[in-house]
Amino acid sequence: MSEANNPLAWATRAEEDFIMARLALRQKPPLSYSACFHAQQCAEKYLKALLVSKGVAFPRTHDLLLLQTLCEQASIFVAVNEKDLNTLSDYAVRVRYPGEDPIPEEAKEALEIAKATRKFSKQFLGLK
C-alpha cells in the first residue's frame, strides 16, 4: 500500500501539524501565523485520512468545506460546523503573506477547530 493510500500515514502527518500548532501558540510571543497554518494543515490531513479510509479520491485542495462535502458523500458526517471549517480553510493561504497576520485569539480559535476535527477523525479511524 502506498503511503498516500494509508489513512494512518495521513493521521501521522496531521498529528505532527497539531503538535506544531500547539508549540507555536506556547511561544512568547505566540507565533500566531504558524499556529493557524499548522492547525489548518492538521484538519486538512485528518479529513483526507477519513476519505482515504473509505477509498474516496480527492483533489489536491486546501478547501476544508470541499473535503467535508466529500466526507458526507461517503457517509462520514464530520462533527465540525461549516463556519469553523471555512474559517480554518482561509489559513492555508492567507497567512503566507505579510499583512495577513492573525492575532493570538484567532490562532487559539484555529487550534480549537483543529482539535475538534482531530477528535472526530481519531474516533472514526479507531485511533487513541
Protein backbone atom coordinates (compact mmCIF):
# COMPACT_ATOMS: atom_id res chain seq x y z
CA MET A 1 0.00 0.00 0.00
CA SER A 2 1.30 3.41 -0.97
CA GLU A 3 1.67 5.88 1.91
CA ALA A 4 -0.78 8.20 0.12
CA ASN A 5 -3.38 5.41 0.33
CA ASN A 6 -2.76 4.75 4.02
CA PRO A 7 -5.06 6.67 6.39
CA LEU A 8 -2.58 6.16 9.23
CA ALA A 9 0.13 7.92 7.22
CA TRP A 10 -2.20 10.90 6.82
CA ALA A 11 -3.06 10.82 10.52
CA THR A 12 0.63 10.74 11.45
CA ARG A 13 1.25 13.87 9.38
CA ALA A 14 -1.83 15.52 10.87
CA GLU A 15 -0.52 14.82 14.37
CA GLU A 16 2.78 16.49 13.56
CA ASP A 17 0.90 19.59 12.38
CA PHE A 18 -1.19 19.51 15.56
CA ILE A 19 1.95 19.43 17.70
CA MET A 20 3.49 22.29 15.73
CA ALA A 21 0.34 24.42 16.11
CA ARG A 22 0.34 23.88 19.88
CA LEU A 23 4.05 24.64 20.17
CA ALA A 24 3.67 27.82 18.12
CA LEU A 25 0.98 29.09 20.49
CA ARG A 26 3.15 28.37 23.54
CA GLN A 27 5.95 30.66 22.35
CA LYS A 28 6.44 34.10 23.89
CA PRO A 29 5.11 35.92 21.98
CA PRO A 30 2.79 33.36 20.36
CA LEU A 31 3.61 32.51 16.75
CA SER A 32 0.08 33.10 15.50
CA TYR A 33 0.84 32.71 11.79
CA SER A 34 2.44 29.31 12.30
CA ALA A 35 -0.24 28.16 14.73
CA CYS A 36 -3.02 28.99 12.26
CA PHE A 37 -1.23 27.41 9.32
CA HIS A 38 -0.47 24.16 11.13
CA ALA A 39 -3.97 24.00 12.64
CA GLN A 40 -5.40 24.18 9.12
CA GLN A 41 -2.96 21.55 7.89
CA CYS A 42 -3.90 19.26 10.79
CA ALA A 43 -7.61 19.44 9.96
CA GLU A 44 -6.96 19.05 6.23
CA LYS A 45 -4.85 15.93 6.67
CA TYR A 46 -7.32 14.36 9.08
CA LEU A 47 -10.17 14.93 6.62
CA LYS A 48 -8.05 13.36 3.90
CA ALA A 49 -7.31 10.41 6.21
CA LEU A 50 -11.06 9.89 6.58
CA LEU A 51 -11.52 9.91 2.82
CA VAL A 52 -8.60 7.53 2.27
CA SER A 53 -10.10 5.17 4.86
CA LYS A 54 -13.21 4.92 2.66
CA GLY A 55 -11.25 4.68 -0.60
CA VAL A 56 -12.52 8.08 -1.79
CA ALA A 57 -10.34 10.03 -4.20
CA PHE A 58 -9.97 13.76 -3.59
CA PRO A 59 -8.38 16.64 -5.48
CA ARG A 60 -5.29 18.48 -4.32
CA THR A 61 -7.00 21.15 -2.28
CA HIS A 62 -6.81 23.07 0.96
CA ASP A 63 -10.58 23.68 0.94
CA LEU A 64 -11.90 22.05 4.11
CA LEU A 65 -15.52 22.60 3.07
CA LEU A 66 -14.93 20.64 -0.13
CA LEU A 67 -13.28 17.86 1.86
CA GLN A 68 -16.19 17.86 4.31
CA THR A 69 -18.64 17.57 1.40
CA LEU A 70 -16.69 14.60 0.04
CA CYS A 71 -16.79 13.04 3.51
CA GLU A 72 -20.56 13.49 3.67
CA GLN A 73 -20.93 11.88 0.25
CA ALA A 74 -19.03 8.91 1.71
CA SER A 75 -21.39 8.83 4.74
CA ILE A 76 -18.82 10.40 7.07
CA PHE A 77 -20.54 13.21 8.92
CA VAL A 78 -17.75 15.25 10.48
CA ALA A 79 -18.87 16.84 13.74
CA VAL A 80 -17.42 20.28 12.98
CA ASN A 81 -19.60 23.09 11.65
CA GLU A 82 -19.08 24.63 8.24
CA LYS A 83 -18.42 28.14 9.55
CA ASP A 84 -15.49 26.86 11.61
CA LEU A 85 -14.07 24.81 8.74
CA ASN A 86 -14.38 27.82 6.44
CA THR A 87 -12.52 29.98 8.96
CA LEU A 88 -9.76 27.39 9.19
CA SER A 89 -9.57 26.94 5.40
CA ASP A 90 -8.55 30.56 4.99
CA TYR A 91 -5.35 29.94 6.93
CA ALA A 92 -3.98 27.57 4.28
CA VAL A 93 -3.07 30.54 2.10
CA ARG A 94 -3.98 33.81 3.82
CA VAL A 95 -1.28 33.68 6.47
CA ARG A 96 1.51 33.04 3.99
CA TYR A 97 1.66 36.71 3.04
CA PRO A 98 2.71 39.72 5.13
CA GLY A 99 -0.14 41.90 6.29
CA GLU A 100 -2.49 38.99 6.90
CA ASP A 101 -1.22 38.13 10.34
CA PRO A 102 -3.79 36.61 12.70
CA ILE A 103 -3.86 37.70 16.33
CA PRO A 104 -3.26 35.17 19.13
CA GLU A 105 -7.02 34.85 19.81
CA GLU A 106 -7.59 33.81 16.19
CA ALA A 107 -4.77 31.29 16.48
CA LYS A 108 -6.35 29.83 19.63
CA GLU A 109 -9.67 29.53 17.79
CA ALA A 110 -7.92 27.83 14.86
CA LEU A 111 -6.36 25.30 17.21
CA GLU A 112 -9.75 24.57 18.82
CA ILE A 113 -11.28 23.88 15.40
CA ALA A 114 -8.36 21.59 14.55
CA LYS A 115 -8.83 19.82 17.92
CA ALA A 116 -12.49 19.14 17.14
CA THR A 117 -11.64 17.79 13.69
CA ARG A 118 -8.83 15.71 15.19
CA LYS A 119 -11.04 14.27 17.92
CA PHE A 120 -13.76 13.21 15.48
CA SER A 121 -11.26 11.78 12.99
CA LYS A 122 -9.33 9.79 15.57
CA GLN A 123 -12.54 8.26 16.88
CA PHE A 124 -13.73 7.44 13.37
CA LEU A 125 -10.38 5.87 12.48
CA GLY A 126 -10.16 3.97 15.78
CA LEU A 127 -7.01 5.77 16.91
CA LYS A 128 -6.12 6.61 20.52
